[in-house]
N, C-alpha and C. Protein backbone atom coordinates (compact mmCIF):
# COMPACT_ATOMS: atom_id res chain seq x y z
N MET A 1 -232.93 168.84 -46.53
CA MET A 1 -232.13 169.45 -47.60
C MET A 1 -230.73 169.79 -47.10
N PRO A 2 -229.66 169.39 -47.85
CA PRO A 2 -228.31 169.73 -47.43
C PRO A 2 -228.09 171.23 -47.55
N ASP A 3 -227.26 171.81 -46.63
CA ASP A 3 -226.98 173.23 -46.71
C ASP A 3 -225.95 173.49 -47.82
N ILE A 4 -225.70 174.79 -48.08
CA ILE A 4 -224.81 175.18 -49.17
C ILE A 4 -223.40 174.65 -48.94
N LYS A 5 -222.93 174.70 -47.69
CA LYS A 5 -221.58 174.23 -47.39
C LYS A 5 -221.43 172.75 -47.72
N SER A 6 -222.42 171.96 -47.34
CA SER A 6 -222.36 170.52 -47.63
C SER A 6 -222.39 170.27 -49.13
N PHE A 7 -223.23 171.04 -49.84
CA PHE A 7 -223.32 170.87 -51.28
C PHE A 7 -221.98 171.20 -51.94
N MET A 8 -221.34 172.29 -51.49
CA MET A 8 -220.06 172.68 -52.08
C MET A 8 -218.99 171.64 -51.81
N GLN A 9 -219.04 171.00 -50.64
CA GLN A 9 -218.08 169.94 -50.34
C GLN A 9 -218.29 168.74 -51.27
N ILE A 10 -219.54 168.39 -51.51
CA ILE A 10 -219.85 167.29 -52.42
C ILE A 10 -219.40 167.65 -53.84
N GLN A 11 -219.66 168.88 -54.24
CA GLN A 11 -219.27 169.34 -55.57
C GLN A 11 -217.74 169.28 -55.73
N TYR A 12 -217.02 169.67 -54.68
CA TYR A 12 -215.56 169.64 -54.71
C TYR A 12 -215.06 168.20 -54.90
N ILE A 13 -215.68 167.26 -54.22
CA ILE A 13 -215.31 165.85 -54.37
C ILE A 13 -215.59 165.39 -55.81
N PHE A 14 -216.72 165.82 -56.36
CA PHE A 14 -217.04 165.48 -57.75
C PHE A 14 -215.99 166.06 -58.70
N GLU A 15 -215.54 167.28 -58.44
CA GLU A 15 -214.53 167.90 -59.30
C GLU A 15 -213.24 167.08 -59.28
N LEU A 16 -212.81 166.68 -58.09
CA LEU A 16 -211.59 165.88 -57.97
C LEU A 16 -211.76 164.52 -58.65
N THR A 17 -212.93 163.92 -58.46
CA THR A 17 -213.20 162.62 -59.08
C THR A 17 -213.22 162.74 -60.60
N GLY A 18 -213.90 163.78 -61.10
CA GLY A 18 -213.94 164.00 -62.54
C GLY A 18 -212.56 164.24 -63.12
N THR A 19 -211.73 164.98 -62.39
CA THR A 19 -210.36 165.22 -62.83
C THR A 19 -209.59 163.92 -62.94
N ALA A 20 -209.76 163.04 -61.95
CA ALA A 20 -209.08 161.74 -61.98
C ALA A 20 -209.55 160.90 -63.17
N PHE A 21 -210.86 160.92 -63.45
CA PHE A 21 -211.37 160.14 -64.58
C PHE A 21 -210.86 160.68 -65.91
N PHE A 22 -210.76 161.99 -66.04
CA PHE A 22 -210.20 162.55 -67.27
C PHE A 22 -208.74 162.14 -67.43
N ALA A 23 -208.00 162.09 -66.32
CA ALA A 23 -206.60 161.64 -66.37
C ALA A 23 -206.52 160.18 -66.81
N ILE A 24 -207.44 159.36 -66.31
CA ILE A 24 -207.47 157.95 -66.70
C ILE A 24 -207.72 157.82 -68.20
N SER A 25 -208.71 158.57 -68.71
CA SER A 25 -209.03 158.47 -70.14
C SER A 25 -207.85 158.90 -70.99
N GLY A 26 -207.12 159.93 -70.55
CA GLY A 26 -205.96 160.39 -71.31
C GLY A 26 -204.86 159.36 -71.33
N ALA A 27 -204.58 158.77 -70.17
CA ALA A 27 -203.51 157.78 -70.09
C ALA A 27 -203.85 156.51 -70.87
N VAL A 28 -205.11 156.07 -70.79
CA VAL A 28 -205.52 154.86 -71.51
C VAL A 28 -205.42 155.06 -73.01
N LEU A 29 -205.90 156.20 -73.50
CA LEU A 29 -205.83 156.46 -74.94
C LEU A 29 -204.38 156.61 -75.39
N ALA A 30 -203.55 157.25 -74.58
CA ALA A 30 -202.14 157.41 -74.93
C ALA A 30 -201.47 156.06 -75.08
N ASN A 31 -201.78 155.14 -74.19
CA ASN A 31 -201.17 153.82 -74.27
C ASN A 31 -201.64 153.05 -75.49
N GLU A 32 -202.92 153.23 -75.85
CA GLU A 32 -203.44 152.55 -77.03
C GLU A 32 -202.79 153.05 -78.31
N LYS A 33 -202.47 154.35 -78.35
CA LYS A 33 -201.98 154.95 -79.59
C LYS A 33 -200.47 154.89 -79.75
N SER A 34 -199.72 155.11 -78.66
CA SER A 34 -198.28 155.26 -78.84
C SER A 34 -197.41 154.48 -77.87
N LYS A 35 -198.01 153.74 -76.93
CA LYS A 35 -197.27 152.94 -75.97
C LYS A 35 -196.17 153.76 -75.28
N PRO A 36 -196.51 154.86 -74.62
CA PRO A 36 -195.49 155.72 -73.99
C PRO A 36 -194.95 155.11 -72.70
N ASP A 37 -193.89 155.71 -72.17
CA ASP A 37 -193.42 155.32 -70.85
C ASP A 37 -194.31 155.99 -69.80
N TRP A 38 -193.99 155.80 -68.53
CA TRP A 38 -194.83 156.34 -67.47
C TRP A 38 -194.90 157.86 -67.51
N PHE A 39 -193.75 158.48 -67.84
CA PHE A 39 -193.76 159.94 -67.91
C PHE A 39 -194.68 160.42 -69.02
N GLY A 40 -194.59 159.79 -70.19
CA GLY A 40 -195.43 160.19 -71.32
C GLY A 40 -196.91 160.01 -71.02
N ALA A 41 -197.26 158.87 -70.41
CA ALA A 41 -198.66 158.63 -70.06
C ALA A 41 -199.15 159.63 -69.03
N THR A 42 -198.28 159.96 -68.07
CA THR A 42 -198.64 160.93 -67.04
C THR A 42 -198.85 162.31 -67.65
N PHE A 43 -197.99 162.67 -68.59
CA PHE A 43 -198.12 163.97 -69.24
C PHE A 43 -199.45 164.08 -70.00
N ILE A 44 -199.78 163.04 -70.76
CA ILE A 44 -201.04 163.05 -71.52
C ILE A 44 -202.23 163.08 -70.56
N GLY A 45 -202.17 162.28 -69.50
CA GLY A 45 -203.25 162.29 -68.52
C GLY A 45 -203.41 163.65 -67.86
N PHE A 46 -202.28 164.30 -67.60
CA PHE A 46 -202.29 165.60 -66.95
C PHE A 46 -202.95 166.65 -67.83
N VAL A 47 -202.54 166.74 -69.10
CA VAL A 47 -203.11 167.78 -69.96
C VAL A 47 -204.57 167.49 -70.29
N THR A 48 -204.94 166.20 -70.30
CA THR A 48 -206.35 165.86 -70.51
C THR A 48 -207.20 166.36 -69.36
N ALA A 49 -206.68 166.19 -68.15
CA ALA A 49 -207.45 166.53 -66.96
C ALA A 49 -207.56 168.03 -66.71
N ILE A 50 -206.49 168.77 -66.99
CA ILE A 50 -206.49 170.20 -66.61
C ILE A 50 -206.46 171.14 -67.82
N GLY A 51 -206.36 170.58 -69.03
CA GLY A 51 -206.22 171.42 -70.21
C GLY A 51 -207.38 172.37 -70.43
N GLY A 52 -208.61 171.87 -70.32
CA GLY A 52 -209.78 172.70 -70.58
C GLY A 52 -209.93 173.81 -69.57
N GLY A 53 -209.83 173.46 -68.28
CA GLY A 53 -209.97 174.46 -67.23
C GLY A 53 -208.86 175.50 -67.26
N SER A 54 -207.64 175.04 -67.59
CA SER A 54 -206.51 175.98 -67.65
C SER A 54 -206.68 176.96 -68.79
N LEU A 55 -207.12 176.45 -69.95
CA LEU A 55 -207.35 177.33 -71.09
C LEU A 55 -208.43 178.35 -70.78
N ARG A 56 -209.50 177.90 -70.16
CA ARG A 56 -210.59 178.81 -69.77
C ARG A 56 -210.08 179.91 -68.85
N ASP A 57 -209.33 179.52 -67.82
CA ASP A 57 -208.85 180.51 -66.85
C ASP A 57 -207.87 181.49 -67.48
N MET A 58 -207.02 181.02 -68.39
CA MET A 58 -206.08 181.92 -69.06
C MET A 58 -206.82 182.91 -69.95
N LEU A 59 -207.84 182.44 -70.66
CA LEU A 59 -208.62 183.34 -71.51
C LEU A 59 -209.37 184.38 -70.69
N LEU A 60 -209.79 183.98 -69.49
CA LEU A 60 -210.56 184.88 -68.63
C LEU A 60 -209.66 185.71 -67.71
N GLY A 61 -208.36 185.42 -67.72
CA GLY A 61 -207.44 186.15 -66.86
C GLY A 61 -207.61 185.82 -65.39
N SER A 62 -207.98 184.57 -65.10
CA SER A 62 -208.20 184.14 -63.72
C SER A 62 -206.97 183.38 -63.23
N TYR A 63 -206.24 183.98 -62.31
CA TYR A 63 -205.01 183.38 -61.79
C TYR A 63 -205.03 183.41 -60.25
N PRO A 64 -204.33 182.45 -59.60
CA PRO A 64 -203.61 181.33 -60.20
C PRO A 64 -204.57 180.28 -60.75
N LEU A 65 -204.10 179.45 -61.67
CA LEU A 65 -204.91 178.38 -62.21
C LEU A 65 -205.31 177.43 -61.09
N VAL A 66 -206.44 176.75 -61.29
CA VAL A 66 -207.01 175.92 -60.23
C VAL A 66 -206.02 174.89 -59.70
N TRP A 67 -205.32 174.19 -60.60
CA TRP A 67 -204.43 173.12 -60.15
C TRP A 67 -203.15 173.67 -59.51
N ILE A 68 -202.85 174.93 -59.75
CA ILE A 68 -201.72 175.57 -59.09
C ILE A 68 -202.13 176.04 -57.70
N LYS A 69 -203.34 176.52 -57.60
CA LYS A 69 -203.86 177.02 -56.32
C LYS A 69 -204.15 175.88 -55.35
N ASP A 70 -204.64 174.76 -55.87
CA ASP A 70 -205.05 173.63 -55.03
C ASP A 70 -204.33 172.37 -55.49
N VAL A 71 -203.35 171.92 -54.73
CA VAL A 71 -202.52 170.77 -55.13
C VAL A 71 -203.32 169.46 -55.12
N SER A 72 -204.50 169.47 -54.51
CA SER A 72 -205.32 168.25 -54.48
C SER A 72 -205.67 167.78 -55.88
N PHE A 73 -205.76 168.72 -56.83
CA PHE A 73 -206.07 168.33 -58.21
C PHE A 73 -204.90 167.56 -58.83
N ILE A 74 -203.68 167.91 -58.46
CA ILE A 74 -202.52 167.16 -58.95
C ILE A 74 -202.52 165.76 -58.35
N TYR A 75 -202.87 165.66 -57.06
CA TYR A 75 -202.96 164.35 -56.43
C TYR A 75 -204.01 163.49 -57.13
N ALA A 76 -205.15 164.11 -57.47
CA ALA A 76 -206.22 163.37 -58.15
C ALA A 76 -205.74 162.85 -59.50
N ILE A 77 -204.98 163.67 -60.22
CA ILE A 77 -204.45 163.26 -61.52
C ILE A 77 -203.48 162.09 -61.35
N LEU A 78 -202.60 162.19 -60.38
CA LEU A 78 -201.62 161.12 -60.15
C LEU A 78 -202.30 159.82 -59.75
N ILE A 79 -203.35 159.93 -58.94
CA ILE A 79 -204.11 158.73 -58.58
C ILE A 79 -204.75 158.11 -59.82
N GLY A 80 -205.31 158.98 -60.69
CA GLY A 80 -205.91 158.48 -61.93
C GLY A 80 -204.89 157.78 -62.81
N ILE A 81 -203.70 158.36 -62.92
CA ILE A 81 -202.64 157.75 -63.73
C ILE A 81 -202.25 156.39 -63.15
N GLY A 82 -202.11 156.35 -61.81
CA GLY A 82 -201.76 155.09 -61.15
C GLY A 82 -202.79 154.01 -61.40
N ILE A 83 -204.07 154.39 -61.29
CA ILE A 83 -205.15 153.43 -61.54
C ILE A 83 -205.11 152.93 -62.98
N SER A 84 -204.90 153.85 -63.92
CA SER A 84 -204.88 153.46 -65.33
C SER A 84 -203.73 152.51 -65.63
N GLY A 85 -202.59 152.69 -64.96
CA GLY A 85 -201.46 151.81 -65.17
C GLY A 85 -201.65 150.44 -64.55
N LEU A 86 -202.19 150.42 -63.34
CA LEU A 86 -202.36 149.16 -62.63
C LEU A 86 -203.53 148.34 -63.14
N LEU A 87 -204.58 149.02 -63.59
CA LEU A 87 -205.80 148.32 -64.00
C LEU A 87 -206.07 148.42 -65.50
N TYR A 88 -205.04 148.72 -66.28
CA TYR A 88 -205.23 148.94 -67.71
C TYR A 88 -205.96 147.79 -68.41
N PRO A 89 -205.58 146.51 -68.19
CA PRO A 89 -206.29 145.42 -68.89
C PRO A 89 -207.79 145.40 -68.61
N TYR A 90 -208.17 145.80 -67.38
CA TYR A 90 -209.59 145.81 -67.02
C TYR A 90 -210.30 147.04 -67.58
N LEU A 91 -209.60 148.16 -67.57
CA LEU A 91 -210.20 149.40 -68.06
C LEU A 91 -210.52 149.32 -69.54
N THR A 92 -209.67 148.66 -70.32
CA THR A 92 -209.93 148.54 -71.75
C THR A 92 -211.16 147.69 -72.05
N LYS A 93 -211.59 146.90 -71.08
CA LYS A 93 -212.79 146.08 -71.26
C LYS A 93 -214.05 146.80 -70.77
N LEU A 94 -213.87 147.97 -70.19
CA LEU A 94 -215.00 148.71 -69.62
C LEU A 94 -215.30 149.96 -70.43
N ARG A 95 -215.38 149.80 -71.73
CA ARG A 95 -215.59 150.96 -72.61
C ARG A 95 -216.86 151.72 -72.25
N LYS A 96 -217.93 151.01 -71.96
CA LYS A 96 -219.18 151.68 -71.65
C LYS A 96 -219.07 152.46 -70.35
N SER A 97 -218.36 151.89 -69.37
CA SER A 97 -218.19 152.58 -68.10
C SER A 97 -217.33 153.83 -68.28
N LEU A 98 -216.24 153.71 -69.07
CA LEU A 98 -215.38 154.86 -69.32
C LEU A 98 -216.15 155.96 -70.07
N PHE A 99 -217.01 155.54 -71.01
CA PHE A 99 -217.83 156.51 -71.73
C PHE A 99 -218.75 157.24 -70.77
N LEU A 100 -219.35 156.51 -69.84
CA LEU A 100 -220.27 157.13 -68.89
C LEU A 100 -219.53 158.11 -67.99
N PHE A 101 -218.35 157.71 -67.50
CA PHE A 101 -217.58 158.60 -66.64
C PHE A 101 -217.15 159.86 -67.39
N ASP A 102 -216.73 159.68 -68.64
CA ASP A 102 -216.34 160.84 -69.45
C ASP A 102 -217.52 161.78 -69.65
N THR A 103 -218.69 161.20 -69.91
CA THR A 103 -219.89 162.00 -70.14
C THR A 103 -220.30 162.74 -68.87
N LEU A 104 -220.22 162.06 -67.74
CA LEU A 104 -220.51 162.73 -66.46
C LEU A 104 -219.52 163.86 -66.22
N GLY A 105 -218.26 163.62 -66.59
CA GLY A 105 -217.24 164.65 -66.41
C GLY A 105 -217.50 165.89 -67.24
N ILE A 106 -217.81 165.70 -68.52
CA ILE A 106 -218.03 166.88 -69.37
C ILE A 106 -219.31 167.61 -68.96
N ALA A 107 -220.31 166.85 -68.48
CA ALA A 107 -221.55 167.50 -68.03
C ALA A 107 -221.27 168.41 -66.84
N MET A 108 -220.53 167.88 -65.88
CA MET A 108 -220.25 168.66 -64.67
C MET A 108 -219.35 169.85 -64.96
N PHE A 109 -218.26 169.62 -65.71
CA PHE A 109 -217.30 170.69 -65.94
C PHE A 109 -217.85 171.76 -66.89
N SER A 110 -218.79 171.40 -67.74
CA SER A 110 -219.44 172.41 -68.58
C SER A 110 -220.15 173.45 -67.72
N ILE A 111 -220.91 172.97 -66.74
CA ILE A 111 -221.69 173.88 -65.90
C ILE A 111 -220.79 174.63 -64.93
N LEU A 112 -219.81 173.93 -64.34
CA LEU A 112 -218.89 174.60 -63.43
C LEU A 112 -218.10 175.69 -64.14
N GLY A 113 -217.69 175.40 -65.38
CA GLY A 113 -216.96 176.40 -66.15
C GLY A 113 -217.81 177.61 -66.47
N THR A 114 -219.07 177.36 -66.76
CA THR A 114 -219.99 178.47 -67.04
C THR A 114 -220.18 179.33 -65.80
N GLU A 115 -220.35 178.68 -64.66
CA GLU A 115 -220.53 179.42 -63.40
C GLU A 115 -219.30 180.27 -63.09
N LYS A 116 -218.12 179.70 -63.29
CA LYS A 116 -216.92 180.48 -62.99
C LYS A 116 -216.81 181.69 -63.91
N ALA A 117 -217.11 181.49 -65.20
CA ALA A 117 -217.05 182.60 -66.15
C ALA A 117 -218.03 183.70 -65.76
N LEU A 118 -219.24 183.31 -65.35
CA LEU A 118 -220.23 184.29 -64.92
C LEU A 118 -219.75 185.06 -63.69
N SER A 119 -219.09 184.34 -62.78
CA SER A 119 -218.62 184.98 -61.56
C SER A 119 -217.55 186.03 -61.84
N LEU A 120 -216.90 185.92 -63.02
CA LEU A 120 -215.87 186.88 -63.40
C LEU A 120 -216.44 188.03 -64.22
N GLY A 121 -217.77 188.03 -64.41
CA GLY A 121 -218.44 189.17 -65.02
C GLY A 121 -218.47 189.20 -66.53
N VAL A 122 -218.27 188.06 -67.20
CA VAL A 122 -218.30 188.07 -68.66
C VAL A 122 -219.74 187.98 -69.15
N HIS A 123 -219.94 188.25 -70.43
CA HIS A 123 -221.27 188.14 -71.04
C HIS A 123 -221.73 186.68 -70.99
N PRO A 124 -223.02 186.45 -70.80
CA PRO A 124 -223.52 185.08 -70.73
C PRO A 124 -223.15 184.21 -71.94
N ILE A 125 -223.13 184.78 -73.14
CA ILE A 125 -222.75 183.99 -74.32
C ILE A 125 -221.30 183.52 -74.18
N VAL A 126 -220.43 184.42 -73.73
CA VAL A 126 -219.03 184.05 -73.51
C VAL A 126 -218.94 182.99 -72.41
N ALA A 127 -219.75 183.12 -71.37
CA ALA A 127 -219.75 182.16 -70.28
C ALA A 127 -220.12 180.76 -70.77
N ALA A 128 -221.11 180.68 -71.67
CA ALA A 128 -221.51 179.38 -72.22
C ALA A 128 -220.37 178.75 -73.00
N ILE A 129 -219.67 179.57 -73.78
CA ILE A 129 -218.54 179.06 -74.57
C ILE A 129 -217.41 178.61 -73.65
N MET A 130 -217.14 179.38 -72.60
CA MET A 130 -216.09 179.02 -71.65
C MET A 130 -216.43 177.73 -70.92
N GLY A 131 -217.72 177.52 -70.65
CA GLY A 131 -218.14 176.26 -70.04
C GLY A 131 -217.86 175.09 -70.95
N MET A 132 -218.16 175.27 -72.22
CA MET A 132 -217.88 174.21 -73.20
C MET A 132 -216.38 173.95 -73.29
N PHE A 133 -215.58 175.04 -73.35
CA PHE A 133 -214.13 174.89 -73.40
C PHE A 133 -213.62 174.09 -72.20
N SER A 134 -214.16 174.38 -71.02
CA SER A 134 -213.73 173.68 -69.81
C SER A 134 -213.86 172.17 -69.96
N ALA A 135 -214.94 171.76 -70.60
CA ALA A 135 -215.24 170.33 -70.70
C ALA A 135 -214.48 169.62 -71.80
N ILE A 136 -214.26 170.28 -72.94
CA ILE A 136 -213.79 169.55 -74.12
C ILE A 136 -212.33 169.78 -74.50
N MET A 137 -211.75 170.91 -74.09
CA MET A 137 -210.44 171.24 -74.64
C MET A 137 -209.32 170.33 -74.14
N GLY A 138 -209.47 169.78 -72.94
CA GLY A 138 -208.49 168.80 -72.49
C GLY A 138 -208.46 167.59 -73.41
N GLY A 139 -209.65 167.14 -73.83
CA GLY A 139 -209.73 166.01 -74.76
C GLY A 139 -209.19 166.36 -76.13
N VAL A 140 -209.40 167.59 -76.56
CA VAL A 140 -208.87 168.02 -77.86
C VAL A 140 -207.34 167.99 -77.83
N ILE A 141 -206.76 168.50 -76.75
CA ILE A 141 -205.30 168.48 -76.62
C ILE A 141 -204.79 167.04 -76.57
N ARG A 142 -205.49 166.19 -75.82
CA ARG A 142 -205.13 164.77 -75.73
C ARG A 142 -205.12 164.12 -77.11
N ASP A 143 -206.20 164.32 -77.87
CA ASP A 143 -206.30 163.71 -79.20
C ASP A 143 -205.21 164.22 -80.13
N THR A 144 -204.91 165.50 -80.04
CA THR A 144 -203.87 166.08 -80.89
C THR A 144 -202.51 165.47 -80.57
N LEU A 145 -202.19 165.34 -79.29
CA LEU A 145 -200.89 164.81 -78.89
C LEU A 145 -200.74 163.33 -79.21
N THR A 146 -201.86 162.60 -79.28
CA THR A 146 -201.81 161.18 -79.60
C THR A 146 -202.10 160.90 -81.08
N ASN A 147 -202.05 161.96 -81.88
CA ASN A 147 -202.23 161.84 -83.33
C ASN A 147 -203.59 161.25 -83.70
N GLU A 148 -204.59 161.67 -82.94
CA GLU A 148 -205.97 161.24 -83.18
C GLU A 148 -206.78 162.44 -83.65
N VAL A 149 -207.75 162.21 -84.52
CA VAL A 149 -208.63 163.30 -84.93
C VAL A 149 -209.43 163.74 -83.72
N PRO A 150 -209.33 165.01 -83.30
CA PRO A 150 -210.08 165.47 -82.12
C PRO A 150 -211.56 165.16 -82.24
N ILE A 151 -212.15 164.79 -81.12
CA ILE A 151 -213.53 164.33 -81.14
C ILE A 151 -214.50 165.40 -81.65
N ILE A 152 -214.15 166.68 -81.49
CA ILE A 152 -215.06 167.73 -81.96
C ILE A 152 -215.09 167.81 -83.48
N PHE A 153 -214.14 167.16 -84.17
CA PHE A 153 -214.13 167.15 -85.63
C PHE A 153 -214.74 165.88 -86.20
N ARG A 154 -215.17 165.00 -85.32
CA ARG A 154 -215.84 163.78 -85.78
C ARG A 154 -217.34 164.02 -85.83
N LYS A 155 -218.08 163.01 -86.24
CA LYS A 155 -219.51 163.18 -86.40
C LYS A 155 -220.27 163.09 -85.08
N GLU A 156 -219.58 162.65 -84.03
CA GLU A 156 -220.25 162.53 -82.73
C GLU A 156 -220.75 163.89 -82.23
N ILE A 157 -221.92 163.86 -81.58
CA ILE A 157 -222.41 165.06 -80.91
C ILE A 157 -221.73 165.11 -79.55
N TYR A 158 -220.82 166.06 -79.39
CA TYR A 158 -219.99 166.14 -78.18
C TYR A 158 -219.99 167.57 -77.64
N ALA A 159 -219.29 168.45 -78.34
CA ALA A 159 -219.24 169.85 -77.89
C ALA A 159 -220.62 170.48 -77.94
N THR A 160 -221.43 170.09 -78.93
CA THR A 160 -222.78 170.64 -79.05
C THR A 160 -223.64 170.29 -77.84
N ALA A 161 -223.45 169.08 -77.31
CA ALA A 161 -224.18 168.69 -76.11
C ALA A 161 -223.81 169.58 -74.93
N CYS A 162 -222.51 169.87 -74.82
CA CYS A 162 -222.05 170.76 -73.74
C CYS A 162 -222.65 172.16 -73.90
N LEU A 163 -222.65 172.65 -75.13
CA LEU A 163 -223.18 173.98 -75.38
C LEU A 163 -224.68 174.04 -75.09
N ALA A 164 -225.40 172.96 -75.39
CA ALA A 164 -226.83 172.91 -75.08
C ALA A 164 -227.05 172.98 -73.58
N GLY A 165 -226.23 172.27 -72.84
CA GLY A 165 -226.36 172.28 -71.39
C GLY A 165 -226.03 173.63 -70.78
N THR A 166 -224.98 174.27 -71.25
CA THR A 166 -224.61 175.59 -70.71
C THR A 166 -225.67 176.63 -71.06
N THR A 167 -226.26 176.49 -72.24
CA THR A 167 -227.33 177.42 -72.63
C THR A 167 -228.55 177.26 -71.73
N LEU A 168 -228.91 176.00 -71.46
CA LEU A 168 -230.04 175.75 -70.56
C LEU A 168 -229.76 176.33 -69.18
N TYR A 169 -228.55 176.17 -68.70
CA TYR A 169 -228.19 176.70 -67.39
C TYR A 169 -228.38 178.22 -67.35
N LEU A 170 -227.92 178.89 -68.41
CA LEU A 170 -228.06 180.35 -68.46
C LEU A 170 -229.53 180.77 -68.48
N LEU A 171 -230.35 180.03 -69.22
CA LEU A 171 -231.77 180.34 -69.28
C LEU A 171 -232.43 180.17 -67.91
N MET A 172 -232.10 179.07 -67.24
CA MET A 172 -232.69 178.81 -65.92
C MET A 172 -232.19 179.83 -64.90
N ASP A 173 -230.93 180.22 -65.02
CA ASP A 173 -230.39 181.23 -64.12
C ASP A 173 -231.07 182.58 -64.36
N TYR A 174 -231.31 182.90 -65.62
CA TYR A 174 -231.99 184.16 -65.97
C TYR A 174 -233.41 184.19 -65.43
N MET A 175 -234.04 183.01 -65.40
CA MET A 175 -235.41 182.91 -64.89
C MET A 175 -235.45 182.92 -63.37
N GLY A 176 -234.28 182.92 -62.74
CA GLY A 176 -234.21 182.99 -61.28
C GLY A 176 -234.45 181.68 -60.57
N LEU A 177 -234.30 180.57 -61.27
CA LEU A 177 -234.49 179.28 -60.63
C LEU A 177 -233.35 178.98 -59.67
N GLU A 178 -233.63 178.13 -58.69
CA GLU A 178 -232.65 177.79 -57.67
C GLU A 178 -231.41 177.15 -58.30
N ARG A 179 -230.23 177.51 -57.81
CA ARG A 179 -228.96 177.13 -58.44
C ARG A 179 -228.80 175.61 -58.56
N ASN A 180 -229.12 174.87 -57.52
CA ASN A 180 -228.93 173.42 -57.56
C ASN A 180 -229.81 172.77 -58.63
N ILE A 181 -231.04 173.27 -58.76
CA ILE A 181 -231.94 172.74 -59.79
C ILE A 181 -231.37 173.02 -61.17
N SER A 182 -230.91 174.24 -61.39
CA SER A 182 -230.33 174.61 -62.68
C SER A 182 -229.09 173.76 -62.98
N PHE A 183 -228.26 173.55 -61.96
CA PHE A 183 -227.02 172.78 -62.11
C PHE A 183 -227.32 171.35 -62.56
N PHE A 184 -228.19 170.67 -61.84
CA PHE A 184 -228.45 169.27 -62.14
C PHE A 184 -229.27 169.09 -63.42
N ALA A 185 -230.22 169.98 -63.67
CA ALA A 185 -231.02 169.88 -64.89
C ALA A 185 -230.15 170.08 -66.13
N SER A 186 -229.26 171.04 -66.09
CA SER A 186 -228.39 171.32 -67.23
C SER A 186 -227.40 170.20 -67.45
N GLY A 187 -226.83 169.68 -66.36
CA GLY A 187 -225.92 168.54 -66.48
C GLY A 187 -226.62 167.31 -67.02
N LEU A 188 -227.86 167.11 -66.57
CA LEU A 188 -228.64 165.96 -67.04
C LEU A 188 -228.92 166.07 -68.54
N LEU A 189 -229.18 167.28 -69.02
CA LEU A 189 -229.42 167.47 -70.45
C LEU A 189 -228.20 167.04 -71.26
N ILE A 190 -227.01 167.43 -70.82
CA ILE A 190 -225.78 167.03 -71.52
C ILE A 190 -225.64 165.52 -71.52
N LEU A 191 -225.89 164.92 -70.37
CA LEU A 191 -225.78 163.46 -70.23
C LEU A 191 -226.73 162.75 -71.18
N VAL A 192 -227.98 163.20 -71.22
CA VAL A 192 -228.99 162.56 -72.07
C VAL A 192 -228.66 162.72 -73.55
N ILE A 193 -228.25 163.93 -73.95
CA ILE A 193 -227.92 164.16 -75.36
C ILE A 193 -226.78 163.25 -75.80
N ARG A 194 -225.74 163.14 -74.98
CA ARG A 194 -224.59 162.29 -75.33
C ARG A 194 -224.99 160.83 -75.45
N ILE A 195 -225.73 160.34 -74.47
CA ILE A 195 -226.11 158.92 -74.48
C ILE A 195 -227.01 158.60 -75.66
N VAL A 196 -228.00 159.46 -75.89
CA VAL A 196 -228.93 159.23 -77.01
C VAL A 196 -228.19 159.33 -78.35
N ALA A 197 -227.30 160.31 -78.48
CA ALA A 197 -226.57 160.50 -79.73
C ALA A 197 -225.69 159.29 -80.05
N VAL A 198 -225.02 158.77 -79.04
CA VAL A 198 -224.15 157.60 -79.26
C VAL A 198 -224.99 156.35 -79.50
N ARG A 199 -226.06 156.22 -78.73
CA ARG A 199 -226.91 155.02 -78.86
C ARG A 199 -227.52 154.93 -80.24
N TYR A 200 -227.97 156.06 -80.79
CA TYR A 200 -228.66 156.03 -82.09
C TYR A 200 -227.82 156.62 -83.22
N LYS A 201 -226.52 156.82 -82.93
CA LYS A 201 -225.58 157.30 -83.95
C LYS A 201 -226.07 158.61 -84.60
N LEU A 202 -226.51 159.53 -83.77
CA LEU A 202 -226.96 160.82 -84.26
C LEU A 202 -225.77 161.75 -84.47
N SER A 203 -225.89 162.64 -85.43
CA SER A 203 -224.80 163.59 -85.69
C SER A 203 -225.38 164.87 -86.27
N ILE A 204 -224.58 165.92 -86.23
CA ILE A 204 -224.97 167.20 -86.81
C ILE A 204 -224.72 167.13 -88.32
N PRO A 205 -225.59 167.75 -89.14
CA PRO A 205 -225.39 167.72 -90.59
C PRO A 205 -224.02 168.22 -91.01
N GLN A 206 -223.46 167.60 -92.03
CA GLN A 206 -222.15 168.00 -92.54
C GLN A 206 -222.18 169.46 -93.03
N PHE A 207 -221.07 170.16 -92.81
CA PHE A 207 -220.96 171.57 -93.18
C PHE A 207 -221.19 171.78 -94.68
N ILE A 208 -220.41 171.10 -95.50
CA ILE A 208 -220.57 171.16 -96.95
C ILE A 208 -220.53 169.72 -97.48
N LYS A 209 -221.59 169.31 -98.12
CA LYS A 209 -221.63 167.96 -98.67
C LYS A 209 -220.98 167.91 -100.04
N ASP A 210 -220.28 166.81 -100.28
CA ASP A 210 -219.63 166.65 -101.61
C ASP A 210 -220.69 166.44 -102.69
């Protein structure tokens, strides 16, 4: 069994990788919608990657923000932007792969965001919401800036999957289960819900039917 230090190092690498993938998704979508220059694509990729975590930290009063405290996250974003620019023709053909990476990203950041909120002493319900915000708000900002209907307003099960995962994490944590088991089980739940929902076109019932 790996020790806690090794696990945290692996988790840190996952965070940087997830940040890069979010930057790629932002830049690719920006190019599809508005054909921006390099600065515009970089800006969209940047807010996609750090928007959710920054909003969470500002709401919780946690400073400095992660990407300000650790410049490695900026490097990860720039690498993601570079990859999206150089490999754009190939990335547009890998929709399923990009979907999987995005889903892995929201699964991981949902739980990490929940853990950070709990560490700051907020109520567990607030922690679950902050975890969801961590995962989805960067994409919401991206969609808004590219004149796209934010994914949380579409019929796709997206934010709800994140909330289900954060809720499961809180329940497992309350039951005193080992942290790594809770982390992976909750992330896996988000992953499964997203894949099944997209595969079978599942959605939440409409708020008010015409």
